[in-house]
Amino acid sequence: MPRFRDLKRYCEWNGWEEYKKGSDHYHYRKLINGQWKKTRVSHSLGKEIPPRIWKEILKQLDTNQEEFNRNS
């Protein structure tokens, strides 16, 4: 399973904008096909993302595991 640092790196490398600062998570958004997609990244960057949560994050990113692996 990926770690939160992998998710943060993916967002930064793939044009996601950090839009909300000073909270308990990093908040990212990106305009995809005319819709704002949003996701949050825990400050616990070394922690592994639980499988159930990871599945939801992939939906938020509008991607799949293979594409995430290629672009992170």
N, C-alpha and C. Protein backbone atom coordinates (compact mmCIF):
# COMPACT_ATOMS: atom_id res chain seq x y z
N MET A 1 0.84 -1.19 0.00
CA MET A 1 0.00 0.00 0.00
C MET A 1 0.88 1.25 0.00
N PRO A 2 0.45 2.26 -0.71
CA PRO A 2 1.19 3.52 -0.71
C PRO A 2 1.14 4.20 0.66
N ARG A 3 2.06 5.10 0.85
CA ARG A 3 2.08 5.91 2.06
C ARG A 3 1.57 7.30 1.71
N PHE A 4 1.21 8.07 2.73
CA PHE A 4 0.71 9.41 2.47
C PHE A 4 1.75 10.28 1.77
N ARG A 5 3.03 10.03 1.99
CA ARG A 5 4.07 10.81 1.27
C ARG A 5 4.00 10.54 -0.24
N ASP A 6 3.64 9.30 -0.63
CA ASP A 6 3.50 8.97 -2.05
C ASP A 6 2.33 9.73 -2.66
N LEU A 7 1.25 9.83 -1.92
CA LEU A 7 0.08 10.56 -2.39
C LEU A 7 0.40 12.05 -2.51
N LYS A 8 1.10 12.61 -1.54
CA LYS A 8 1.47 14.03 -1.59
C LYS A 8 2.36 14.30 -2.80
N ARG A 9 3.34 13.43 -3.03
CA ARG A 9 4.23 13.58 -4.19
C ARG A 9 3.44 13.49 -5.50
N TYR A 10 2.51 12.54 -5.58
CA TYR A 10 1.68 12.41 -6.78
C TYR A 10 0.94 13.71 -7.06
N CYS A 11 0.31 14.27 -6.03
CA CYS A 11 -0.45 15.51 -6.21
C CYS A 11 0.46 16.65 -6.68
N GLU A 12 1.62 16.77 -6.07
CA GLU A 12 2.54 17.86 -6.42
C GLU A 12 3.09 17.69 -7.84
N TRP A 13 3.39 16.47 -8.24
CA TRP A 13 3.98 16.22 -9.56
C TRP A 13 2.96 16.27 -10.69
N ASN A 14 1.67 16.16 -10.35
CA ASN A 14 0.65 16.05 -11.38
C ASN A 14 -0.29 17.25 -11.42
N GLY A 15 0.17 18.38 -10.94
CA GLY A 15 -0.56 19.62 -11.12
C GLY A 15 -1.71 19.88 -10.17
N TRP A 16 -1.76 19.16 -9.06
CA TRP A 16 -2.78 19.42 -8.06
C TRP A 16 -2.36 20.63 -7.24
N GLU A 17 -3.30 21.51 -6.97
CA GLU A 17 -3.04 22.75 -6.24
C GLU A 17 -3.36 22.56 -4.76
N GLU A 18 -2.41 22.92 -3.89
CA GLU A 18 -2.70 22.91 -2.46
C GLU A 18 -3.47 24.19 -2.17
N TYR A 19 -4.70 24.06 -1.71
CA TYR A 19 -5.57 25.23 -1.62
C TYR A 19 -6.00 25.60 -0.21
N LYS A 20 -5.80 24.75 0.74
CA LYS A 20 -6.24 25.05 2.10
C LYS A 20 -5.07 24.75 3.03
N LYS A 21 -4.56 25.78 3.64
CA LYS A 21 -3.38 25.61 4.49
C LYS A 21 -3.75 25.82 5.95
N GLY A 22 -2.91 25.30 6.82
CA GLY A 22 -3.10 25.50 8.25
C GLY A 22 -4.16 24.60 8.86
N SER A 23 -4.39 23.45 8.27
CA SER A 23 -5.36 22.52 8.87
C SER A 23 -4.66 21.22 9.23
N ASP A 24 -5.44 20.23 9.59
CA ASP A 24 -4.88 18.94 10.01
C ASP A 24 -4.47 18.05 8.83
N HIS A 25 -4.76 18.47 7.61
CA HIS A 25 -4.38 17.74 6.41
C HIS A 25 -3.88 18.72 5.36
N TYR A 26 -3.17 18.18 4.35
CA TYR A 26 -2.89 18.95 3.15
C TYR A 26 -4.13 18.79 2.27
N HIS A 27 -4.64 19.87 1.71
CA HIS A 27 -5.83 19.82 0.86
C HIS A 27 -5.42 20.19 -0.56
N TYR A 28 -5.76 19.30 -1.51
CA TYR A 28 -5.41 19.51 -2.91
C TYR A 28 -6.68 19.50 -3.76
N ARG A 29 -6.61 20.24 -4.88
CA ARG A 29 -7.70 20.23 -5.84
C ARG A 29 -7.13 20.38 -7.25
N LYS A 30 -7.92 19.91 -8.21
CA LYS A 30 -7.52 20.02 -9.61
C LYS A 30 -8.79 20.00 -10.47
N LEU A 31 -8.81 20.85 -11.47
CA LEU A 31 -9.92 20.89 -12.40
C LEU A 31 -9.71 19.81 -13.47
N ILE A 32 -10.60 18.82 -13.49
CA ILE A 32 -10.50 17.71 -14.43
C ILE A 32 -11.83 17.59 -15.17
N ASN A 33 -11.78 17.73 -16.49
CA ASN A 33 -12.99 17.63 -17.32
C ASN A 33 -14.10 18.54 -16.83
N GLY A 34 -13.73 19.77 -16.45
CA GLY A 34 -14.71 20.75 -16.03
C GLY A 34 -15.23 20.61 -14.61
N GLN A 35 -14.69 19.66 -13.85
CA GLN A 35 -15.12 19.45 -12.47
C GLN A 35 -13.92 19.54 -11.53
N TRP A 36 -14.13 20.18 -10.37
CA TRP A 36 -13.09 20.23 -9.37
C TRP A 36 -13.04 18.90 -8.64
N LYS A 37 -11.89 18.28 -8.65
CA LYS A 37 -11.64 17.06 -7.88
C LYS A 37 -10.83 17.49 -6.66
N LYS A 38 -11.12 16.90 -5.51
CA LYS A 38 -10.43 17.27 -4.28
C LYS A 38 -9.99 16.02 -3.54
N THR A 39 -8.88 16.16 -2.82
CA THR A 39 -8.42 15.09 -1.95
C THR A 39 -7.66 15.70 -0.79
N ARG A 40 -7.52 14.92 0.27
CA ARG A 40 -6.76 15.35 1.44
C ARG A 40 -5.63 14.37 1.68
N VAL A 41 -4.53 14.89 2.22
CA VAL A 41 -3.37 14.06 2.53
C VAL A 41 -3.03 14.28 3.99
N SER A 42 -2.92 13.21 4.74
CA SER A 42 -2.58 13.29 6.15
C SER A 42 -1.18 13.86 6.35
N HIS A 43 -0.98 14.56 7.45
CA HIS A 43 0.35 15.05 7.80
C HIS A 43 1.25 13.89 8.26
N SER A 44 0.69 12.74 8.52
CA SER A 44 1.47 11.55 8.90
C SER A 44 2.02 10.91 7.63
N LEU A 45 2.98 11.58 7.00
CA LEU A 45 3.46 11.19 5.67
C LEU A 45 4.05 9.79 5.61
N GLY A 46 4.62 9.30 6.70
CA GLY A 46 5.23 7.97 6.70
C GLY A 46 4.25 6.85 6.91
N LYS A 47 3.01 7.18 7.23
CA LYS A 47 2.00 6.18 7.53
C LYS A 47 1.44 5.57 6.25
N GLU A 48 1.24 4.26 6.26
CA GLU A 48 0.65 3.56 5.13
C GLU A 48 -0.85 3.87 5.06
N ILE A 49 -1.36 4.04 3.84
CA ILE A 49 -2.78 4.33 3.65
C ILE A 49 -3.56 3.02 3.71
N PRO A 50 -4.57 2.93 4.58
CA PRO A 50 -5.37 1.69 4.65
C PRO A 50 -6.07 1.41 3.31
N PRO A 51 -6.19 0.12 2.94
CA PRO A 51 -6.77 -0.25 1.64
C PRO A 51 -8.15 0.36 1.37
N ARG A 52 -9.02 0.38 2.35
CA ARG A 52 -10.37 0.92 2.16
C ARG A 52 -10.31 2.41 1.81
N ILE A 53 -9.44 3.14 2.49
CA ILE A 53 -9.29 4.57 2.24
C ILE A 53 -8.60 4.79 0.89
N TRP A 54 -7.62 3.94 0.57
CA TRP A 54 -6.90 4.09 -0.69
C TRP A 54 -7.85 3.97 -1.88
N LYS A 55 -8.79 3.06 -1.81
CA LYS A 55 -9.77 2.89 -2.88
C LYS A 55 -10.56 4.18 -3.10
N GLU A 56 -10.96 4.84 -2.03
CA GLU A 56 -11.69 6.11 -2.13
C GLU A 56 -10.80 7.23 -2.69
N ILE A 57 -9.54 7.23 -2.28
CA ILE A 57 -8.61 8.26 -2.77
C ILE A 57 -8.42 8.13 -4.27
N LEU A 58 -8.30 6.92 -4.78
CA LEU A 58 -8.15 6.74 -6.23
C LEU A 58 -9.35 7.31 -6.97
N LYS A 59 -10.55 7.16 -6.42
CA LYS A 59 -11.74 7.76 -7.02
C LYS A 59 -11.65 9.28 -6.99
N GLN A 60 -11.20 9.83 -5.86
CA GLN A 60 -11.06 11.28 -5.74
C GLN A 60 -10.07 11.82 -6.76
N LEU A 61 -9.01 11.08 -7.02
CA LEU A 61 -7.99 11.50 -7.97
C LEU A 61 -8.40 11.26 -9.42
N ASP A 62 -9.51 10.53 -9.61
CA ASP A 62 -9.99 10.18 -10.94
C ASP A 62 -8.91 9.41 -11.70
N THR A 63 -8.35 8.39 -11.02
CA THR A 63 -7.28 7.58 -11.59
C THR A 63 -7.41 6.14 -11.11
N ASN A 64 -6.50 5.29 -11.53
CA ASN A 64 -6.45 3.91 -11.05
C ASN A 64 -5.04 3.62 -10.55
N GLN A 65 -4.85 2.44 -9.99
CA GLN A 65 -3.57 2.09 -9.37
C GLN A 65 -2.42 2.14 -10.38
N GLU A 66 -2.64 1.63 -11.57
CA GLU A 66 -1.58 1.58 -12.57
C GLU A 66 -1.13 2.99 -12.98
N GLU A 67 -2.11 3.86 -13.21
CA GLU A 67 -1.77 5.24 -13.60
C GLU A 67 -1.10 5.97 -12.45
N PHE A 68 -1.56 5.72 -11.23
CA PHE A 68 -0.92 6.35 -10.06
C PHE A 68 0.54 5.91 -10.00
N ASN A 69 0.80 4.64 -10.17
CA ASN A 69 2.18 4.12 -10.11
C ASN A 69 3.06 4.74 -11.19
N ARG A 70 2.52 4.92 -12.38
CA ARG A 70 3.30 5.52 -13.48
C ARG A 70 3.61 7.00 -13.23
N ASN A 71 2.73 7.68 -12.53
CA ASN A 71 2.84 9.14 -12.39
C ASN A 71 3.25 9.60 -11.00
N SER A 72 3.78 8.71 -10.19
CA SER A 72 4.22 9.15 -8.84
C SER A 72 5.70 8.90 -8.65
